[in-house]
Amino acid sequence: MSGTVGVRNGALAFAALFASVAAASAAPPGQVVGFIDAVQYGSDGQYHVSGWACQQGNRNSIDVHVYAGHPAGAGGTLVVVGRADIGNEPAVDRECHDADGGKHRFHIALPNQLLRTFQKKNLYVHGIALAGNVENAAIFRSGQLQLPAPKWPPDPPTPAFLDGAPVAAFDTRHDSCEETDIPDAPARAFRDYKGTVHLVASHLVTRASIGPTLEAARHNCNVVYRSAKNGNPAAFDDSTWLTNFYPIDGKQVVALGHMEYHGWDHAGMCATRSDTPTCWYNAETFLTSSDGGYHFGAPKYLLGFPYKYELNKGPEGYSVDTNILKVGEWFYATAYSWAWPPGCGGGKGQSPCLVPDATCPIRTANVLDPASWRGWDGKDFTVAFVDPYRTPIANPKAHICVPAPYLDYSNGTSFHEAGRLFVATLWNQGSGGFGPRGVYFTTSPDFIHWSTPHLALTLDQMLRREPEGNWSYGYFSLIDPNAKDPNFSTITDHPYLYYVRMDGNHPPYQRVLFRQKIKLDWLIKAAAAAPRP
């Protein structure tokens, strides 16, 4: 009898638990709530708006949109987008109805360039709902604060670097052949067998600017190379940017391709069907042209990680982000690697990285043999890159090259003939640890030992010269119109600095590739005075 009662009570308790779970699952999604704490000037030379925002009952972080003048939908103008994904105190968890302790605070930069346009307008912060038929909402104190006037940080000591006004070499507003025809890689140039200059800074469908000189090169709609979008990661032939060139005799031209395997584009190869770094696998491929660089053939494997593609465990792989340059008997470039596996590192609770987040030097004596490239091992160029799909790899670590300091932010390398120096162009976006965001240069006599980067121009100095707008920059490289080699890999004291300016108000397809004359005599003098390894 007592056993029967126990079973009955257990059943009743289970039914009550089931009913409470069902009620909870049927509960309507929570509302978007939040609070703007302050708008304050930070040590990074710009203002930030901070506070917290969440969707009640949902532990996931939400996006927040900053508007000027009025709320969204009522005449307000979107200023910047951020995310409430910073750790918070228990009081915020209670307001968010979040027992699991998610991350709901935000600290969003308000760049001075944007404040030139929106200063003294009322500030509104909207939380963006994650789930259910819930309205996005302006959080508490929206409209009570104003966007401040820009406050540019003092200029650090910089050299007399600029030697002319920027000139648009490719403006997508009137030069693009289709919407996705944009400058999306560092500018490279070479001369073909007729002396015609090919200037390339392209997207995954490669086109070139053609002309008798760098200055006269005009964007051409003929397709140089079209990505195959092959869904087999072992083919290394998905989305490819041609980023490096070397003309052998003007007719035969070698190109290196930055290949990105986009798992989200191929059924069953990613957890989502949208662009995500977690399904991003990178490798470098080798292509050739037999008609002077007007068309390139099918790619071959050049270098990559000794690991196969793993779903939702990216980004991973190597990318050769600098151009090929030949000095003496060797052809040089650099290979950048993403830290892998995801979340690895030297911190508490982190697993060690199988591959570091770093850049290593690579070289070959035969640019026509894609298997001949070798990476730096810390003492010599001995690291061979192997295709993980071609053969089993017993010791993957032996096929990971050793990084060289100060090359992580390099988009181009050149050789200064008079100074007998390699020069790498860096774009530091603030995480380099050697100074403010901006353009830097590092030099080396041997491509291995690089100098502490020299600051040439800060991001703030660039933005203050611009008209009002929402600008960002990338893809910095040097090309000298006076270069004697057909690959434009040598420079004098007066090369062009090429770079891309992105329009944040019209992303991602409004961009301009600029060239600007610069002076490097100060850099070469500093390198000559420094002790050599």
Protein backbone atom coordinates (compact mmCIF):
# COMPACT_ATOMS: atom_id res chain seq x y z
CA MET A 1 0.00 0.00 0.00
CA SER A 2 2.74 2.44 0.93
CA GLY A 3 4.53 1.56 -2.30
CA THR A 4 1.42 2.42 -4.32
CA VAL A 5 1.19 5.82 -2.64
CA GLY A 6 4.86 6.47 -3.33
CA VAL A 7 4.43 5.69 -7.00
CA ARG A 8 1.33 7.88 -7.19
CA ASN A 9 3.09 10.81 -5.44
CA GLY A 10 6.06 10.41 -7.77
CA ALA A 11 3.76 10.51 -10.78
CA LEU A 12 2.04 13.62 -9.46
CA ALA A 13 5.38 15.33 -8.87
CA PHE A 14 6.54 14.44 -12.38
CA ALA A 15 3.29 15.76 -13.85
CA ALA A 16 3.70 19.02 -11.95
CA LEU A 17 7.29 19.36 -13.14
CA PHE A 18 6.22 18.63 -16.73
CA ALA A 19 3.47 21.23 -16.49
CA SER A 20 5.88 23.87 -15.18
CA VAL A 21 8.38 23.14 -17.95
CA ALA A 22 5.63 23.28 -20.57
CA ALA A 23 4.39 26.57 -19.14
CA ALA A 24 7.90 27.99 -19.20
CA SER A 25 8.44 26.87 -22.79
CA ALA A 26 5.13 28.43 -23.77
CA ALA A 27 5.93 31.71 -22.03
CA PRO A 28 6.09 34.64 -24.42
CA PRO A 29 9.57 35.94 -25.29
CA GLY A 30 10.81 38.76 -23.06
CA GLN A 31 11.06 42.43 -23.92
CA VAL A 32 14.21 44.35 -24.86
CA VAL A 33 15.45 46.40 -21.93
CA GLY A 34 18.61 48.29 -21.05
CA PHE A 35 20.24 51.41 -19.66
CA ILE A 36 22.74 53.96 -21.02
CA ASP A 37 25.34 54.61 -18.32
CA ALA A 38 27.45 57.34 -19.88
CA VAL A 39 29.27 58.82 -22.84
CA GLN A 40 32.93 59.16 -21.87
CA TYR A 41 36.28 59.90 -23.52
CA GLY A 42 38.66 56.94 -23.47
CA SER A 43 42.39 56.37 -23.45
CA ASP A 44 42.20 55.32 -27.10
CA GLY A 45 41.50 58.91 -28.19
CA GLN A 46 37.75 58.60 -28.82
CA TYR A 47 34.45 58.71 -27.00
CA HIS A 48 32.49 55.59 -26.02
CA VAL A 49 28.88 55.02 -25.06
CA SER A 50 28.46 52.37 -22.38
CA GLY A 51 25.64 50.60 -20.61
CA TRP A 52 23.75 47.32 -20.78
CA ALA A 53 21.01 45.82 -22.94
CA CYS A 54 19.31 42.42 -23.26
CA GLN A 55 16.16 40.58 -24.18
CA GLN A 56 14.62 39.46 -20.91
CA GLY A 57 14.74 35.72 -20.35
CA ASN A 58 17.37 35.18 -23.05
CA ARG A 59 20.99 34.75 -21.92
CA ASN A 60 22.45 35.45 -25.37
CA SER A 61 24.04 38.83 -26.10
CA ILE A 62 22.09 41.21 -28.32
CA ASP A 63 23.16 43.79 -30.90
CA VAL A 64 22.72 47.46 -30.12
CA HIS A 65 22.33 50.26 -32.66
CA VAL A 66 23.26 53.86 -31.87
CA TYR A 67 21.09 56.53 -33.52
CA ALA A 68 21.42 60.32 -33.70
CA GLY A 69 18.69 62.97 -33.54
CA HIS A 70 15.64 60.75 -33.14
CA PRO A 71 14.77 57.12 -32.52
CA ALA A 72 14.94 54.52 -35.27
CA GLY A 73 11.88 54.76 -37.49
CA ALA A 74 11.16 58.31 -36.39
CA GLY A 75 13.77 60.19 -38.39
CA GLY A 76 16.86 59.03 -36.52
CA THR A 77 20.13 58.34 -38.34
CA LEU A 78 22.12 55.18 -37.63
CA VAL A 79 25.56 56.11 -36.31
CA VAL A 80 27.23 52.86 -35.35
CA VAL A 81 26.41 49.22 -34.56
CA GLY A 82 27.75 47.36 -31.54
CA ARG A 83 27.04 44.39 -29.33
CA ALA A 84 26.20 43.98 -25.65
CA ASP A 85 28.62 41.11 -25.05
CA ILE A 86 30.76 42.27 -22.10
CA GLY A 87 30.49 40.62 -18.67
CA ASN A 88 28.13 42.24 -16.19
CA GLU A 89 27.19 42.28 -12.50
CA PRO A 90 24.36 40.24 -10.87
CA ALA A 91 22.02 43.25 -10.81
CA VAL A 92 21.99 43.31 -14.61
CA ASP A 93 21.30 39.56 -14.69
CA ARG A 94 18.27 40.15 -12.49
CA GLU A 95 16.95 42.89 -14.78
CA CYS A 96 17.54 40.58 -17.76
CA HIS A 97 15.82 37.62 -16.05
CA ASP A 98 18.98 35.69 -16.78
CA ALA A 99 19.79 33.05 -14.18
CA ASP A 100 22.64 31.63 -16.29
CA GLY A 101 24.71 34.81 -16.18
CA GLY A 102 25.14 35.86 -19.80
CA LYS A 103 27.07 38.90 -21.03
CA HIS A 104 24.95 42.02 -21.50
CA ARG A 105 27.13 45.12 -21.12
CA PHE A 106 28.33 47.25 -24.07
CA HIS A 107 31.14 49.73 -24.58
CA ILE A 108 30.91 51.11 -28.11
CA ALA A 109 33.40 53.50 -29.71
CA LEU A 110 32.07 56.75 -31.23
CA PRO A 111 34.82 57.64 -33.71
CA ASN A 112 35.70 61.31 -34.02
CA GLN A 113 35.06 61.16 -37.75
CA LEU A 114 31.42 60.26 -37.10
CA LEU A 115 31.04 62.89 -34.39
CA ARG A 116 31.94 65.57 -36.93
CA THR A 117 28.55 64.83 -38.47
CA PHE A 118 26.43 63.93 -35.44
CA GLN A 119 27.77 66.15 -32.65
CA LYS A 120 25.20 67.81 -30.34
CA LYS A 121 22.39 65.57 -31.59
CA ASN A 122 20.41 63.51 -29.11
CA LEU A 123 21.69 59.96 -28.66
CA TYR A 124 19.45 56.90 -28.82
CA VAL A 125 20.52 53.30 -28.25
CA HIS A 126 18.24 50.55 -29.59
CA GLY A 127 18.44 46.95 -28.42
CA ILE A 128 17.82 44.40 -31.19
CA ALA A 129 15.55 41.49 -30.21
CA LEU A 130 16.85 37.96 -30.65
CA ALA A 131 13.74 35.78 -30.50
CA GLY A 132 10.00 35.86 -30.93
CA ASN A 133 7.76 38.54 -32.32
CA VAL A 134 9.31 41.22 -30.10
CA GLU A 135 9.90 44.83 -31.07
CA ASN A 136 13.38 46.31 -30.99
CA ALA A 137 13.40 49.02 -28.35
CA ALA A 138 15.18 52.21 -27.38
CA ILE A 139 16.69 51.53 -23.96
CA PHE A 140 16.35 53.76 -20.90
CA ARG A 141 17.96 57.25 -21.09
CA SER A 142 17.76 57.28 -24.89
CA GLY A 143 17.25 60.89 -25.97
CA GLN A 144 18.50 62.26 -22.63
CA LEU A 145 22.17 62.43 -23.66
CA GLN A 146 23.85 64.13 -26.60
CA LEU A 147 26.58 62.98 -28.92
CA PRO A 148 29.69 65.03 -28.08
CA ALA A 149 31.86 67.13 -30.36
CA PRO A 150 34.90 65.27 -31.72
CA LYS A 151 38.02 65.38 -29.57
CA TRP A 152 41.03 64.36 -31.62
CA PRO A 153 44.01 63.07 -29.63
CA PRO A 154 47.29 64.99 -29.90
CA ASP A 155 49.43 63.96 -32.87
CA PRO A 156 52.43 61.84 -31.89
CA PRO A 157 55.80 62.67 -33.47
CA THR A 158 55.61 61.57 -37.10
CA PRO A 159 57.92 62.23 -40.05
CA ALA A 160 57.31 64.37 -43.13
CA PHE A 161 55.74 61.39 -44.84
CA LEU A 162 53.10 62.56 -47.33
CA ASP A 163 54.38 64.07 -50.54
CA GLY A 164 51.20 64.79 -52.47
CA ALA A 165 47.43 64.56 -52.44
CA PRO A 166 45.60 61.21 -52.69
CA VAL A 167 44.43 60.27 -56.19
CA ALA A 168 41.62 57.78 -56.85
CA ALA A 169 42.92 54.88 -58.95
CA PHE A 170 39.69 52.86 -58.76
CA ASP A 171 36.38 54.27 -57.46
CA THR A 172 33.57 51.73 -57.34
CA ARG A 173 30.88 54.43 -57.73
CA HIS A 174 31.74 54.83 -61.40
CA ASP A 175 34.46 52.25 -62.24
CA SER A 176 32.93 48.94 -61.13
CA CYS A 177 31.81 46.45 -63.77
CA GLU A 178 29.30 44.84 -61.36
CA GLU A 179 28.27 45.40 -57.74
CA THR A 180 30.84 42.98 -56.31
CA ASP A 181 33.68 44.39 -58.44
CA ILE A 182 35.55 46.09 -55.62
CA PRO A 183 39.16 46.60 -54.47
CA ASP A 184 39.39 43.85 -51.86
CA ALA A 185 43.11 43.10 -51.66
CA PRO A 186 46.38 45.06 -51.58
CA ALA A 187 47.33 46.65 -54.90
CA ARG A 188 49.97 44.81 -56.97
CA ALA A 189 51.43 45.69 -60.36
CA PHE A 190 53.49 44.08 -63.11
CA ARG A 191 54.48 44.77 -66.73
CA ASP A 192 53.67 42.32 -69.50
CA TYR A 193 55.77 41.51 -72.60
CA LYS A 194 54.50 44.64 -74.37
CA GLY A 195 55.36 46.92 -71.47
CA THR A 196 51.70 47.37 -70.46
CA VAL A 197 51.13 47.83 -66.75
CA HIS A 198 48.59 45.60 -64.98
CA LEU A 199 47.39 47.02 -61.64
CA VAL A 200 45.36 44.48 -59.63
CA ALA A 201 43.42 45.00 -56.39
CA SER A 202 40.43 42.80 -56.91
CA HIS A 203 37.69 40.66 -55.45
CA LEU A 204 37.04 36.94 -56.03
CA VAL A 205 36.28 37.68 -59.69
CA THR A 206 39.61 39.17 -60.74
CA ARG A 207 39.83 42.19 -63.01
CA ALA A 208 42.77 44.53 -63.61
CA SER A 209 43.45 48.15 -64.42
CA ILE A 210 45.43 48.37 -67.66
CA GLY A 211 47.57 51.15 -69.08
CA PRO A 212 51.00 52.27 -70.28
CA THR A 213 51.93 53.50 -66.77
CA LEU A 214 50.68 53.17 -63.22
CA GLU A 215 49.11 56.60 -63.41
CA ALA A 216 47.38 55.86 -66.72
CA ALA A 217 46.05 52.41 -65.78
CA ARG A 218 42.23 52.27 -66.02
CA HIS A 219 39.90 49.62 -64.67
CA ASN A 220 39.06 47.02 -67.29
CA CYS A 221 35.94 44.82 -67.25
CA ASN A 222 37.55 41.79 -68.84
CA VAL A 223 37.69 38.91 -66.34
CA VAL A 224 41.22 37.77 -65.57
CA TYR A 225 40.13 34.92 -63.32
CA ARG A 226 36.74 33.72 -62.06
CA SER A 227 36.52 31.71 -58.84
CA ALA A 228 35.23 28.18 -59.41
CA LYS A 229 33.19 27.91 -56.17
CA ASN A 230 34.11 24.22 -55.91
CA GLY A 231 32.37 22.67 -52.87
CA ASN A 232 35.07 20.05 -52.30
CA PRO A 233 37.60 21.43 -49.78
CA ALA A 234 40.24 19.00 -51.09
CA ALA A 235 40.16 20.81 -54.46
CA PHE A 236 41.31 24.15 -52.95
CA ASP A 237 39.24 25.88 -55.62
CA ASP A 238 36.34 27.69 -53.96
CA SER A 239 36.63 31.51 -53.68
CA THR A 240 40.02 32.80 -54.79
CA TRP A 241 41.58 36.26 -54.74
CA LEU A 242 44.63 36.67 -56.98
CA THR A 243 46.89 38.71 -54.72
CA ASN A 244 50.50 38.13 -55.86
CA PHE A 245 52.11 38.17 -59.30
CA TYR A 246 55.50 37.55 -60.84
CA PRO A 247 56.13 37.93 -64.60
CA ILE A 248 58.70 35.40 -65.85
CA ASP A 249 59.21 36.76 -69.36
CA GLY A 250 56.23 39.08 -69.73
CA LYS A 251 54.11 36.38 -71.37
CA GLN A 252 54.32 33.75 -68.68
CA VAL A 253 53.11 35.21 -65.40
CA VAL A 254 52.85 33.44 -62.04
CA ALA A 255 50.06 34.32 -59.63
CA LEU A 256 49.42 33.22 -56.06
CA GLY A 257 45.79 32.88 -55.06
CA HIS A 258 44.35 33.47 -51.60
CA MET A 259 41.79 30.65 -51.54
CA GLU A 260 38.93 30.77 -49.06
CA TYR A 261 36.74 27.72 -48.64
CA HIS A 262 33.32 29.05 -47.57
CA GLY A 263 31.58 26.14 -45.87
CA TRP A 264 28.30 28.06 -45.57
CA ASP A 265 27.99 28.12 -49.36
CA HIS A 266 27.97 24.32 -49.63
CA ALA A 267 25.29 21.97 -48.31
CA GLY A 268 26.27 20.05 -45.21
CA MET A 269 29.58 21.89 -44.76
CA CYS A 270 28.57 24.43 -42.08
CA ALA A 271 26.08 24.75 -39.23
CA THR A 272 24.64 27.88 -40.85
CA ARG A 273 23.94 29.06 -44.37
CA SER A 274 25.31 32.55 -43.74
CA ASP A 275 28.81 34.01 -43.78
CA THR A 276 30.64 32.96 -40.61
CA PRO A 277 34.36 32.74 -39.73
CA THR A 278 33.74 29.37 -38.10
CA CYS A 279 33.36 27.76 -41.54
CA TRP A 280 36.27 29.56 -43.17
CA TYR A 281 39.26 27.50 -44.40
CA ASN A 282 42.19 29.24 -46.10
CA ALA A 283 45.04 28.07 -48.28
CA GLU A 284 47.32 29.49 -50.97
CA THR A 285 47.22 28.26 -54.56
CA PHE A 286 49.45 28.60 -57.62
CA LEU A 287 48.24 29.75 -61.04
CA THR A 288 49.92 30.72 -64.31
CA SER A 289 49.10 32.81 -67.36
CA SER A 290 50.59 32.31 -70.82
CA ASP A 291 49.19 35.48 -72.40
CA GLY A 292 50.82 38.21 -70.30
CA GLY A 293 48.46 38.08 -67.33
CA TYR A 294 45.18 38.66 -69.16
CA HIS A 295 43.87 35.19 -68.19
CA PHE A 296 44.96 32.64 -65.60
CA GLY A 297 44.45 28.88 -65.64
CA ALA A 298 43.33 26.38 -63.01
CA PRO A 299 44.96 26.50 -59.56
CA LYS A 300 47.34 24.05 -57.91
CA TYR A 301 47.95 23.64 -54.18
CA LEU A 302 50.81 25.82 -52.87
CA LEU A 303 50.64 25.93 -49.07
CA GLY A 304 48.27 25.61 -46.14
CA PHE A 305 47.80 23.98 -42.77
CA PRO A 306 48.63 20.27 -42.40
CA TYR A 307 45.03 19.84 -41.21
CA LYS A 308 41.87 19.17 -43.19
CA TYR A 309 38.80 21.38 -43.09
CA GLU A 310 36.69 20.84 -39.96
CA LEU A 311 33.10 22.01 -39.85
CA ASN A 312 32.56 24.99 -37.55
CA LYS A 313 36.17 25.03 -36.29
CA GLY A 314 37.54 27.99 -38.23
CA PRO A 315 38.93 30.31 -39.20
CA GLU A 316 41.98 28.29 -40.09
CA GLY A 317 44.73 28.25 -42.67
CA TYR A 318 47.52 30.29 -44.22
CA SER A 319 47.27 33.43 -46.33
CA VAL A 320 50.12 35.01 -48.31
CA ASP A 321 49.24 38.67 -47.85
CA THR A 322 52.46 40.20 -49.18
CA ASN A 323 53.69 40.31 -52.76
CA ILE A 324 56.45 38.18 -54.27
CA LEU A 325 59.82 39.90 -54.53
CA LYS A 326 63.08 38.54 -55.91
CA VAL A 327 66.39 39.53 -54.33
CA GLY A 328 69.49 37.63 -55.41
CA GLU A 329 68.64 34.00 -56.10
CA TRP A 330 65.59 33.90 -53.83
CA PHE A 331 61.92 34.76 -54.19
CA TYR A 332 60.41 35.97 -50.89
CA ALA A 333 56.93 36.41 -49.40
CA THR A 334 55.22 36.00 -46.01
CA ALA A 335 52.45 33.67 -44.81
CA TYR A 336 49.94 34.70 -42.14
CA SER A 337 48.22 32.07 -39.98
CA TRP A 338 45.11 32.29 -37.83
CA ALA A 339 45.44 30.91 -34.30
CA TRP A 340 43.97 27.41 -34.33
CA PRO A 341 42.01 25.54 -32.99
CA PRO A 342 39.37 28.12 -31.97
CA GLY A 343 39.79 29.47 -28.45
CA CYS A 344 43.36 28.22 -28.08
CA GLY A 345 46.00 30.23 -26.29
CA GLY A 346 48.14 30.49 -23.19
CA GLY A 347 45.42 31.72 -20.85
CA LYS A 348 43.81 29.87 -17.96
CA GLY A 349 41.62 27.06 -19.17
CA GLN A 350 42.77 27.40 -22.79
CA SER A 351 44.27 24.56 -24.80
CA PRO A 352 47.64 25.25 -26.49
CA CYS A 353 47.50 26.44 -30.10
CA LEU A 354 48.53 23.95 -32.75
CA VAL A 355 49.13 26.98 -34.98
CA PRO A 356 49.97 30.49 -33.68
CA ASP A 357 48.34 33.74 -34.76
CA ALA A 358 51.42 35.09 -36.51
CA THR A 359 53.30 35.65 -39.78
CA CYS A 360 56.33 33.75 -41.01
CA PRO A 361 58.79 34.40 -43.87
CA ILE A 362 58.73 31.99 -46.82
CA ARG A 363 60.96 31.69 -49.87
CA THR A 364 61.78 29.62 -52.94
CA ALA A 365 64.52 29.46 -55.55
CA ASN A 366 62.07 28.35 -58.25
CA VAL A 367 58.91 30.43 -58.46
CA LEU A 368 57.55 28.08 -61.15
CA ASP A 369 57.49 25.10 -58.75
CA PRO A 370 54.65 25.48 -56.22
CA ALA A 371 56.06 22.65 -54.08
CA SER A 372 59.41 24.38 -53.64
CA TRP A 373 58.34 27.09 -51.17
CA ARG A 374 59.81 26.67 -47.69
CA GLY A 375 58.94 28.36 -44.42
CA TRP A 376 61.22 29.66 -41.70
CA ASP A 377 61.91 27.14 -38.89
CA GLY A 378 63.65 29.58 -36.54
CA LYS A 379 67.10 28.89 -38.00
CA ASP A 380 66.66 28.27 -41.71
CA PHE A 381 64.08 27.89 -44.47
CA THR A 382 63.31 24.19 -44.13
CA VAL A 383 59.56 23.91 -43.40
CA ALA A 384 57.78 22.12 -46.25
CA PHE A 385 54.05 22.73 -46.72
CA VAL A 386 52.00 19.60 -47.37
CA ASP A 387 48.51 18.97 -48.71
CA PRO A 388 46.57 17.19 -45.92
CA TYR A 389 44.22 15.62 -48.48
CA ARG A 390 47.00 14.04 -50.54
CA THR A 391 48.82 11.95 -47.96
CA PRO A 392 48.66 11.11 -44.22
CA ILE A 393 50.76 13.49 -42.12
CA ALA A 394 52.56 11.82 -39.23
CA ASN A 395 53.92 15.00 -37.63
CA PRO A 396 51.79 18.08 -38.47
CA LYS A 397 53.91 20.32 -36.25
CA ALA A 398 56.87 19.86 -38.61
CA HIS A 399 54.87 21.63 -41.33
CA ILE A 400 54.05 24.81 -39.36
CA CYS A 401 56.53 27.63 -39.91
CA VAL A 402 58.00 29.82 -37.16
CA PRO A 403 56.84 33.47 -37.03
CA ALA A 404 59.05 36.53 -37.29
CA PRO A 405 58.25 39.53 -35.06
CA TYR A 406 56.48 42.62 -36.43
CA LEU A 407 55.18 41.09 -39.68
CA ASP A 408 51.61 40.34 -38.53
CA TYR A 409 50.10 43.50 -39.98
CA SER A 410 52.01 43.54 -43.26
CA ASN A 411 50.15 43.77 -46.56
CA GLY A 412 53.22 44.31 -48.71
CA THR A 413 57.00 43.94 -48.82
CA SER A 414 59.40 45.84 -51.07
CA PHE A 415 63.15 46.05 -51.59
CA HIS A 416 64.89 49.42 -51.30
CA GLU A 417 67.79 48.94 -53.68
CA ALA A 418 69.93 51.91 -52.62
CA GLY A 419 69.67 50.98 -48.93
CA ARG A 420 69.81 47.19 -49.55
CA LEU A 421 66.82 46.82 -47.23
CA PHE A 422 63.56 44.92 -47.21
CA VAL A 423 60.65 47.21 -46.27
CA ALA A 424 57.32 45.90 -44.97
CA THR A 425 54.22 48.11 -44.96
CA LEU A 426 52.05 47.61 -41.88
CA TRP A 427 48.52 48.71 -41.04
CA ASN A 428 48.17 48.50 -37.26
CA GLN A 429 44.54 48.71 -36.14
CA GLY A 430 45.38 49.09 -32.47
CA SER A 431 46.22 45.56 -31.35
CA GLY A 432 49.88 45.53 -32.31
CA GLY A 433 51.09 46.85 -28.99
CA PHE A 434 53.65 49.20 -30.54
CA GLY A 435 51.66 52.42 -30.84
CA PRO A 436 48.46 54.08 -32.05
CA ARG A 437 46.43 52.87 -35.00
CA GLY A 438 48.02 53.85 -38.28
CA VAL A 439 50.58 53.20 -41.02
CA TYR A 440 53.93 51.75 -39.93
CA PHE A 441 57.05 50.46 -41.64
CA THR A 442 59.56 47.87 -40.54
CA THR A 443 62.87 47.14 -42.26
CA SER A 444 65.16 44.14 -42.49
CA PRO A 445 68.54 43.41 -44.11
CA ASP A 446 67.78 39.68 -44.45
CA PHE A 447 63.96 39.19 -44.40
CA ILE A 448 64.26 37.52 -40.97
CA HIS A 449 65.25 40.18 -38.45
CA TRP A 450 62.82 43.11 -38.58
CA SER A 451 63.09 46.47 -36.84
CA THR A 452 60.61 47.77 -34.31
CA PRO A 453 57.91 49.35 -36.49
CA HIS A 454 58.27 53.05 -37.29
CA LEU A 455 55.05 55.10 -37.16
CA ALA A 456 54.48 57.12 -40.33
CA LEU A 457 50.87 58.32 -40.09
CA THR A 458 48.11 57.75 -37.54
CA LEU A 459 44.54 56.80 -38.38
CA ASP A 460 43.36 60.04 -36.76
CA GLN A 461 45.67 62.08 -38.99
CA MET A 462 44.17 60.34 -42.02
CA LEU A 463 40.58 60.86 -40.91
CA ARG A 464 41.07 64.55 -40.14
CA ARG A 465 42.08 65.09 -43.76
CA GLU A 466 38.90 63.43 -45.05
CA PRO A 467 35.51 65.01 -45.77
CA GLU A 468 32.73 64.09 -43.35
CA GLY A 469 31.77 60.45 -43.57
CA ASN A 470 32.13 57.03 -41.98
CA TRP A 471 35.50 55.87 -43.26
CA SER A 472 37.74 52.92 -42.58
CA TYR A 473 40.91 51.75 -44.33
CA GLY A 474 42.79 48.63 -45.34
CA TYR A 475 45.11 46.95 -47.86
CA PHE A 476 48.20 49.20 -47.69
CA SER A 477 51.08 48.53 -50.08
CA LEU A 478 53.93 50.35 -51.83
CA ILE A 479 54.37 50.54 -55.61
CA ASP A 480 57.07 52.73 -57.15
CA PRO A 481 56.49 54.08 -60.69
CA ASN A 482 60.29 54.31 -61.04
CA ALA A 483 60.84 50.60 -60.33
CA LYS A 484 63.11 49.00 -62.92
CA ASP A 485 61.95 45.41 -62.35
CA PRO A 486 58.80 44.22 -64.15
CA ASN A 487 57.20 43.20 -60.84
CA PHE A 488 57.43 46.65 -59.20
CA SER A 489 58.99 45.01 -56.15
CA THR A 490 61.81 47.55 -55.82
CA ILE A 491 61.33 51.06 -54.44
CA THR A 492 63.15 54.37 -54.18
CA ASP A 493 62.64 57.07 -51.56
CA HIS A 494 59.51 58.29 -53.39
CA PRO A 495 57.04 55.45 -54.04
CA TYR A 496 53.26 55.52 -54.07
CA LEU A 497 51.33 54.32 -51.05
CA TYR A 498 48.25 52.44 -52.27
CA TYR A 499 45.35 51.83 -49.89
CA VAL A 500 41.59 51.23 -49.89
CA ARG A 501 39.07 53.50 -48.18
CA MET A 502 35.76 51.85 -47.24
CA ASP A 503 32.51 53.81 -46.89
CA GLY A 504 30.74 52.63 -43.73
CA ASN A 505 27.57 54.48 -44.70
CA HIS A 506 27.29 52.39 -47.88
CA PRO A 507 28.81 48.99 -47.05
CA PRO A 508 30.30 46.87 -48.42
CA TYR A 509 30.52 47.90 -52.06
CA GLN A 510 31.43 51.60 -52.03
CA ARG A 511 35.21 51.75 -51.91
CA VAL A 512 38.07 53.76 -53.39
CA LEU A 513 41.59 52.54 -54.15
CA PHE A 514 43.86 55.54 -53.62
CA ARG A 515 47.48 56.16 -54.45
CA GLN A 516 49.47 58.86 -52.70
CA LYS A 517 53.07 59.93 -53.16
CA ILE A 518 55.16 59.52 -50.01
CA LYS A 519 58.72 60.06 -48.78
CA LEU A 520 60.78 57.31 -47.16
CA ASP A 521 64.20 58.97 -46.80
CA TRP A 522 63.63 59.26 -43.02
CA LEU A 523 62.99 55.51 -42.76
CA ILE A 524 66.10 54.52 -44.70
CA LYS A 525 68.27 56.89 -42.63
CA ALA A 526 66.89 55.41 -39.41
CA ALA A 527 67.58 51.88 -40.65
CA ALA A 528 71.12 52.79 -41.72
CA ALA A 529 71.86 54.14 -38.23
CA ALA A 530 70.56 51.04 -36.46
CA PRO A 531 72.84 48.06 -35.68
CA ARG A 532 72.41 45.14 -38.06
CA PRO A 533 72.07 41.49 -36.97
